[in-house]
């Protein structure tokens, strides 16, 4: 594995990360979820959600490296099943956020663990991430320097680390912004609920 990393073209990795940065800054499901988590739970919850999302990305990368993601294209029923499960989970989060009296700003370990697990589950139940990884990462590999699956894993690690930093900062800023609006704590829960509901609708419509 390490030998493969050392043989990979540095400029190709730089190009890959440049493309990844553009993807990080493009509004999408992961960014919206991180923002909603920061709004509802504060800066630490936003960062924890970003870490959970990045762990989900790594799982998708491992699946792609094993070639299993291609099966989702061959079996539409499996793809739809995962997609609807993800939409249902987001709908559940929307309902619980709507019913909350205000953002839960407890910074205990269990609170952060929940933000982390929600980020992970939301990402892992989005089959589009697996298909994106399968389509995007192989473009930056070179069979001549070593096993492609190892290169995909390394690129996936870089992608996940970049996501932790970018989405984490976004989640932290969202949490700080919500913290400055202490008088509107109930409104923050409603906003988070609407974001979760919008993500669920988007998954179903797409």
C-alpha atoms as a PDB file:
ATOM      1  CA  UNK A   1       0.000   0.000   0.000  1.00  0.00           C
ATOM      2  CA  UNK A   2       2.691   2.523   1.000  1.00  0.00           C
ATOM      3  CA  UNK A   3       4.749   1.633  -2.053  1.00  0.00           C
ATOM      4  CA  UNK A   4       1.768   2.428  -4.276  1.00  0.00           C
ATOM      5  CA  UNK A   5       1.346   5.821  -2.599  1.00  0.00           C
ATOM      6  CA  UNK A   6       5.020   6.670  -3.175  1.00  0.00           C
ATOM      7  CA  UNK A   7       4.687   5.798  -6.864  1.00  0.00           C
ATOM      8  CA  UNK A   8       1.613   7.963  -7.410  1.00  0.00           C
ATOM      9  CA  UNK A   9       2.173  11.196  -9.337  1.00  0.00           C
ATOM     10  CA  UNK A  10       2.240  14.129  -6.902  1.00  0.00           C
ATOM     11  CA  UNK A  11       0.812  16.547  -9.464  1.00  0.00           C
ATOM     12  CA  UNK A  12      -1.996  14.141 -10.243  1.00  0.00           C
ATOM     13  CA  UNK A  13      -2.860  14.071  -6.537  1.00  0.00           C
ATOM     14  CA  UNK A  14      -2.720  17.875  -6.425  1.00  0.00           C
ATOM     15  CA  UNK A  15      -5.046  18.031  -9.432  1.00  0.00           C
ATOM     16  CA  UNK A  16      -7.369  15.553  -7.741  1.00  0.00           C
ATOM     17  CA  UNK A  17      -7.511  17.620  -4.554  1.00  0.00           C
ATOM     18  CA  UNK A  18      -8.101  20.770  -6.598  1.00  0.00           C
ATOM     19  CA  UNK A  19     -11.129  19.137  -8.189  1.00  0.00           C
ATOM     20  CA  UNK A  20     -12.199  17.870  -4.769  1.00  0.00           C
ATOM     21  CA  UNK A  21     -12.103  21.391  -3.305  1.00  0.00           C
ATOM     22  CA  UNK A  22     -14.522  22.545  -5.988  1.00  0.00           C
ATOM     23  CA  UNK A  23     -16.784  19.655  -5.075  1.00  0.00           C
ATOM     24  CA  UNK A  24     -16.581  20.487  -1.363  1.00  0.00           C
ATOM     25  CA  UNK A  25     -17.661  24.072  -2.057  1.00  0.00           C
ATOM     26  CA  UNK A  26     -20.567  23.041  -4.284  1.00  0.00           C
ATOM     27  CA  UNK A  27     -23.810  23.035  -2.269  1.00  0.00           C
ATOM     28  CA  UNK A  28     -24.992  19.470  -1.881  1.00  0.00           C
ATOM     29  CA  UNK A  29     -26.516  17.007   0.541  1.00  0.00           C
ATOM     30  CA  UNK A  30     -23.405  16.691   2.725  1.00  0.00           C
ATOM     31  CA  UNK A  31     -22.930  20.450   3.032  1.00  0.00           C
ATOM     32  CA  UNK A  32     -26.601  21.040   3.821  1.00  0.00           C
ATOM     33  CA  UNK A  33     -26.626  18.277   6.415  1.00  0.00           C
ATOM     34  CA  UNK A  34     -23.520  19.685   8.097  1.00  0.00           C
ATOM     35  CA  UNK A  35     -25.033  23.172   8.177  1.00  0.00           C
ATOM     36  CA  UNK A  36     -28.277  21.849   9.631  1.00  0.00           C
ATOM     37  CA  UNK A  37     -26.351  19.915  12.275  1.00  0.00           C
ATOM     38  CA  UNK A  38     -24.380  23.030  13.213  1.00  0.00           C
ATOM     39  CA  UNK A  39     -27.533  25.109  13.420  1.00  0.00           C
ATOM     40  CA  UNK A  40     -29.332  22.607  15.614  1.00  0.00           C
ATOM     41  CA  UNK A  41     -26.477  21.477  17.838  1.00  0.00           C
ATOM     42  CA  UNK A  42     -23.757  24.101  17.763  1.00  0.00           C
ATOM     43  CA  UNK A  43     -20.194  24.236  16.346  1.00  0.00           C
ATOM     44  CA  UNK A  44     -19.010  20.936  17.828  1.00  0.00           C
ATOM     45  CA  UNK A  45     -22.062  19.109  16.489  1.00  0.00           C
ATOM     46  CA  UNK A  46     -21.386  20.537  13.026  1.00  0.00           C
ATOM     47  CA  UNK A  47     -17.799  19.308  13.159  1.00  0.00           C
ATOM     48  CA  UNK A  48     -18.897  15.889  14.459  1.00  0.00           C
ATOM     49  CA  UNK A  49     -21.428  15.555  11.635  1.00  0.00           C
ATOM     50  CA  UNK A  50     -18.692  16.363   9.106  1.00  0.00           C
ATOM     51  CA  UNK A  51     -16.461  13.651  10.600  1.00  0.00           C
ATOM     52  CA  UNK A  52     -19.309  11.134  10.357  1.00  0.00           C
ATOM     53  CA  UNK A  53     -19.933  12.066   6.732  1.00  0.00           C
ATOM     54  CA  UNK A  54     -16.253  11.614   5.907  1.00  0.00           C
ATOM     55  CA  UNK A  55     -16.249   8.164   7.507  1.00  0.00           C
ATOM     56  CA  UNK A  56     -19.207   7.315   5.282  1.00  0.00           C
ATOM     57  CA  UNK A  57     -17.210   8.493   2.269  1.00  0.00           C
ATOM     58  CA  UNK A  58     -14.387   6.137   3.243  1.00  0.00           C
ATOM     59  CA  UNK A  59     -16.826   3.237   3.392  1.00  0.00           C
ATOM     60  CA  UNK A  60     -18.097   4.129  -0.084  1.00  0.00           C
ATOM     61  CA  UNK A  61     -14.501   4.286  -1.292  1.00  0.00           C
ATOM     62  CA  UNK A  62     -13.790   0.795   0.046  1.00  0.00           C
ATOM     63  CA  UNK A  63     -16.936  -0.462  -1.660  1.00  0.00           C
ATOM     64  CA  UNK A  64     -15.867   1.137  -4.935  1.00  0.00           C
ATOM     65  CA  UNK A  65     -12.360  -0.293  -4.600  1.00  0.00           C
ATOM     66  CA  UNK A  66     -13.907  -3.728  -4.241  1.00  0.00           C
ATOM     67  CA  UNK A  67     -16.017  -3.115  -7.339  1.00  0.00           C
ATOM     68  CA  UNK A  68     -19.278  -3.608  -5.479  1.00  0.00           C
ATOM     69  CA  UNK A  69     -20.651  -0.149  -6.277  1.00  0.00           C
ATOM     70  CA  UNK A  70     -21.088  -1.254  -9.896  1.00  0.00           C
ATOM     71  CA  UNK A  71     -23.728  -3.705  -8.683  1.00  0.00           C
ATOM     72  CA  UNK A  72     -25.991  -0.790  -7.793  1.00  0.00           C
ATOM     73  CA  UNK A  73     -26.126   0.078 -11.482  1.00  0.00           C
ATOM     74  CA  UNK A  74     -27.003  -3.516 -12.385  1.00  0.00           C
ATOM     75  CA  UNK A  75     -29.762  -3.865  -9.783  1.00  0.00           C
ATOM     76  CA  UNK A  76     -32.050  -0.810  -9.773  1.00  0.00           C
ATOM     77  CA  UNK A  77     -34.172  -2.302  -6.982  1.00  0.00           C
ATOM     78  CA  UNK A  78     -31.171  -2.360  -4.635  1.00  0.00           C
ATOM     79  CA  UNK A  79     -30.306   1.210  -5.565  1.00  0.00           C
ATOM     80  CA  UNK A  80     -33.866   2.393  -4.930  1.00  0.00           C
ATOM     81  CA  UNK A  81     -34.060   0.484  -1.657  1.00  0.00           C
ATOM     82  CA  UNK A  82     -30.974   2.225  -0.263  1.00  0.00           C
ATOM     83  CA  UNK A  83     -32.125   5.574  -1.620  1.00  0.00           C
ATOM     84  CA  UNK A  84     -35.546   5.360   0.005  1.00  0.00           C
ATOM     85  CA  UNK A  85     -34.027   4.202   3.284  1.00  0.00           C
ATOM     86  CA  UNK A  86     -31.867   7.315   3.290  1.00  0.00           C
ATOM     87  CA  UNK A  87     -34.858   9.524   2.516  1.00  0.00           C
ATOM     88  CA  UNK A  88     -36.829   7.928   5.333  1.00  0.00           C
ATOM     89  CA  UNK A  89     -34.013   8.541   7.795  1.00  0.00           C
ATOM     90  CA  UNK A  90     -33.769  12.201   6.792  1.00  0.00           C
ATOM     91  CA  UNK A  91     -37.537  12.535   7.130  1.00  0.00           C
ATOM     92  CA  UNK A  92     -37.236  11.139  10.649  1.00  0.00           C
ATOM     93  CA  UNK A  93     -34.569  13.730  11.477  1.00  0.00           C
ATOM     94  CA  UNK A  94     -36.799  16.449  10.043  1.00  0.00           C
ATOM     95  CA  UNK A  95     -39.689  15.406  12.299  1.00  0.00           C
ATOM     96  CA  UNK A  96     -37.570  15.196  15.453  1.00  0.00           C
ATOM     97  CA  UNK A  97     -35.968  18.585  14.731  1.00  0.00           C
ATOM     98  CA  UNK A  98     -39.364  20.183  14.098  1.00  0.00           C
ATOM     99  CA  UNK A  99     -40.700  18.893  17.407  1.00  0.00           C
ATOM    100  CA  UNK A 100     -37.667  20.076  19.368  1.00  0.00           C
ATOM    101  CA  UNK A 101     -38.145  23.177  21.481  1.00  0.00           C
ATOM    102  CA  UNK A 102     -34.797  24.538  20.355  1.00  0.00           C
ATOM    103  CA  UNK A 103     -31.253  23.521  19.385  1.00  0.00           C
ATOM    104  CA  UNK A 104     -29.723  21.058  21.800  1.00  0.00           C
ATOM    105  CA  UNK A 105     -26.464  22.703  22.809  1.00  0.00           C
ATOM    106  CA  UNK A 106     -25.240  20.084  25.231  1.00  0.00           C
ATOM    107  CA  UNK A 107     -21.660  19.371  24.295  1.00  0.00           C
ATOM    108  CA  UNK A 108     -21.490  16.032  26.053  1.00  0.00           C
ATOM    109  CA  UNK A 109     -19.953  12.979  24.454  1.00  0.00           C
ATOM    110  CA  UNK A 110     -23.319  11.339  23.743  1.00  0.00           C
ATOM    111  CA  UNK A 111     -24.576  14.458  21.965  1.00  0.00           C
ATOM    112  CA  UNK A 112     -21.532  14.629  19.702  1.00  0.00           C
ATOM    113  CA  UNK A 113     -21.668  10.879  19.098  1.00  0.00           C
ATOM    114  CA  UNK A 114     -25.222  11.273  17.870  1.00  0.00           C
ATOM    115  CA  UNK A 115     -24.233  14.043  15.453  1.00  0.00           C
ATOM    116  CA  UNK A 116     -21.375  11.856  14.209  1.00  0.00           C
ATOM    117  CA  UNK A 117     -23.581   8.773  13.742  1.00  0.00           C
ATOM    118  CA  UNK A 118     -26.289  10.784  11.969  1.00  0.00           C
ATOM    119  CA  UNK A 119     -23.730  12.145   9.534  1.00  0.00           C
ATOM    120  CA  UNK A 120     -22.380   8.663   8.889  1.00  0.00           C
ATOM    121  CA  UNK A 121     -25.790   7.038   8.403  1.00  0.00           C
ATOM    122  CA  UNK A 122     -27.023   9.820   6.124  1.00  0.00           C
ATOM    123  CA  UNK A 123     -23.964   9.503   3.893  1.00  0.00           C
ATOM    124  CA  UNK A 124     -23.827   5.715   3.813  1.00  0.00           C
ATOM    125  CA  UNK A 125     -27.509   5.548   2.819  1.00  0.00           C
ATOM    126  CA  UNK A 126     -26.906   7.779  -0.192  1.00  0.00           C
ATOM    127  CA  UNK A 127     -26.056   5.440  -3.116  1.00  0.00           C
ATOM    128  CA  UNK A 128     -25.166   8.425  -5.283  1.00  0.00           C
ATOM    129  CA  UNK A 129     -22.007   8.846  -3.223  1.00  0.00           C
ATOM    130  CA  UNK A 130     -20.919   5.307  -4.090  1.00  0.00           C
ATOM    131  CA  UNK A 131     -21.597   5.873  -7.787  1.00  0.00           C
ATOM    132  CA  UNK A 132     -19.803   9.225  -7.691  1.00  0.00           C
ATOM    133  CA  UNK A 133     -16.734   7.653  -6.093  1.00  0.00           C
ATOM    134  CA  UNK A 134     -16.801   4.861  -8.668  1.00  0.00           C
ATOM    135  CA  UNK A 135     -16.938   7.382 -11.528  1.00  0.00           C
ATOM    136  CA  UNK A 136     -14.608  10.068 -10.161  1.00  0.00           C
ATOM    137  CA  UNK A 137     -11.672   8.429  -8.401  1.00  0.00           C
ATOM    138  CA  UNK A 138     -10.572   5.972 -11.141  1.00  0.00           C
ATOM    139  CA  UNK A 139      -9.926   8.934 -13.451  1.00  0.00           C
ATOM    140  CA  UNK A 140      -6.920   9.803 -11.281  1.00  0.00           C
ATOM    141  CA  UNK A 141      -5.376   6.340 -11.221  1.00  0.00           C
ATOM    142  CA  UNK A 142      -2.673   4.781 -13.367  1.00  0.00           C
ATOM    143  CA  UNK A 143      -2.616   0.968 -13.729  1.00  0.00           C
ATOM    144  CA  UNK A 144       1.047   1.163 -14.716  1.00  0.00           C
ATOM    145  CA  UNK A 145       2.222   2.126 -11.230  1.00  0.00           C
ATOM    146  CA  UNK A 146       0.335  -0.438  -9.183  1.00  0.00           C
ATOM    147  CA  UNK A 147      -3.039  -1.954  -8.238  1.00  0.00           C
ATOM    148  CA  UNK A 148      -5.847   0.468  -9.066  1.00  0.00           C
ATOM    149  CA  UNK A 149      -7.821  -0.476  -5.952  1.00  0.00           C
ATOM    150  CA  UNK A 150      -4.942   0.658  -3.743  1.00  0.00           C
ATOM    151  CA  UNK A 151      -4.755   3.986  -5.571  1.00  0.00           C
ATOM    152  CA  UNK A 152      -8.504   4.407  -5.126  1.00  0.00           C
ATOM    153  CA  UNK A 153      -8.158   3.803  -1.397  1.00  0.00           C
ATOM    154  CA  UNK A 154      -5.426   6.428  -1.073  1.00  0.00           C
ATOM    155  CA  UNK A 155      -7.401   8.964  -3.087  1.00  0.00           C
ATOM    156  CA  UNK A 156     -10.395   8.161  -0.917  1.00  0.00           C
ATOM    157  CA  UNK A 157      -8.386   8.881   2.225  1.00  0.00           C
ATOM    158  CA  UNK A 158      -7.370  12.273   0.803  1.00  0.00           C
ATOM    159  CA  UNK A 159     -10.967  12.960  -0.226  1.00  0.00           C
ATOM    160  CA  UNK A 160     -12.282  12.112   3.250  1.00  0.00           C
ATOM    161  CA  UNK A 161      -9.635  14.192   5.029  1.00  0.00           C
ATOM    162  CA  UNK A 162     -10.392  17.170   2.823  1.00  0.00           C
ATOM    163  CA  UNK A 163     -14.078  16.708   3.575  1.00  0.00           C
ATOM    164  CA  UNK A 164     -13.443  16.704   7.322  1.00  0.00           C
ATOM    165  CA  UNK A 165     -11.645  20.041   7.066  1.00  0.00           C
ATOM    166  CA  UNK A 166     -14.031  21.740   4.626  1.00  0.00           C
ATOM    167  CA  UNK A 167     -17.370  20.448   5.896  1.00  0.00           C
ATOM    168  CA  UNK A 168     -16.102  20.720   9.465  1.00  0.00           C
ATOM    169  CA  UNK A 169     -15.372  24.429   9.056  1.00  0.00           C
ATOM    170  CA  UNK A 170     -18.757  24.955   7.434  1.00  0.00           C
ATOM    171  CA  UNK A 171     -20.484  23.148  10.302  1.00  0.00           C
ATOM    172  CA  UNK A 172     -18.539  25.136  12.890  1.00  0.00           C
ATOM    173  CA  UNK A 173     -19.396  28.465  11.252  1.00  0.00           C
ATOM    174  CA  UNK A 174     -23.066  27.438  11.040  1.00  0.00           C
ATOM    175  CA  UNK A 175     -22.995  26.593  14.740  1.00  0.00           C
ATOM    176  CA  UNK A 176     -21.368  29.903  15.611  1.00  0.00           C
ATOM    177  CA  UNK A 177     -23.940  31.776  13.547  1.00  0.00           C
ATOM    178  CA  UNK A 178     -26.744  29.964  15.349  1.00  0.00           C
ATOM    179  CA  UNK A 179     -25.098  30.717  18.679  1.00  0.00           C
ATOM    180  CA  UNK A 180     -25.276  34.438  17.938  1.00  0.00           C
ATOM    181  CA  UNK A 181     -29.008  34.067  17.441  1.00  0.00           C
ATOM    182  CA  UNK A 182     -29.829  32.805  20.913  1.00  0.00           C
ATOM    183  CA  UNK A 183     -33.224  34.474  20.875  1.00  0.00           C
ATOM    184  CA  UNK A 184     -34.196  32.465  17.838  1.00  0.00           C
ATOM    185  CA  UNK A 185     -33.290  28.997  19.110  1.00  0.00           C
ATOM    186  CA  UNK A 186     -36.683  27.556  18.261  1.00  0.00           C
ATOM    187  CA  UNK A 187     -36.419  28.991  14.758  1.00  0.00           C
ATOM    188  CA  UNK A 188     -33.059  27.214  14.347  1.00  0.00           C
ATOM    189  CA  UNK A 189     -34.732  23.866  14.996  1.00  0.00           C
ATOM    190  CA  UNK A 190     -37.408  24.664  12.411  1.00  0.00           C
ATOM    191  CA  UNK A 191     -34.784  25.669   9.863  1.00  0.00           C
ATOM    192  CA  UNK A 192     -32.829  22.455  10.486  1.00  0.00           C
ATOM    193  CA  UNK A 193     -36.037  20.463  10.100  1.00  0.00           C
ATOM    194  CA  UNK A 194     -36.796  22.104   6.756  1.00  0.00           C
ATOM    195  CA  UNK A 195     -33.259  21.374   5.519  1.00  0.00           C
ATOM    196  CA  UNK A 196     -33.546  17.697   6.480  1.00  0.00           C
ATOM    197  CA  UNK A 197     -36.973  17.482   4.840  1.00  0.00           C
ATOM    198  CA  UNK A 198     -35.644  19.143   1.692  1.00  0.00           C
ATOM    199  CA  UNK A 199     -32.775  16.641   1.499  1.00  0.00           C
ATOM    200  CA  UNK A 200     -35.230  13.747   1.872  1.00  0.00           C
ATOM    201  CA  UNK A 201     -37.425  15.151  -0.923  1.00  0.00           C
ATOM    202  CA  UNK A 202     -34.411  15.686  -3.146  1.00  0.00           C
ATOM    203  CA  UNK A 203     -33.303  12.072  -2.747  1.00  0.00           C
ATOM    204  CA  UNK A 204     -36.769  10.787  -3.679  1.00  0.00           C
ATOM    205  CA  UNK A 205     -37.220  13.165  -6.633  1.00  0.00           C
ATOM    206  CA  UNK A 206     -33.750  12.454  -8.044  1.00  0.00           C
END
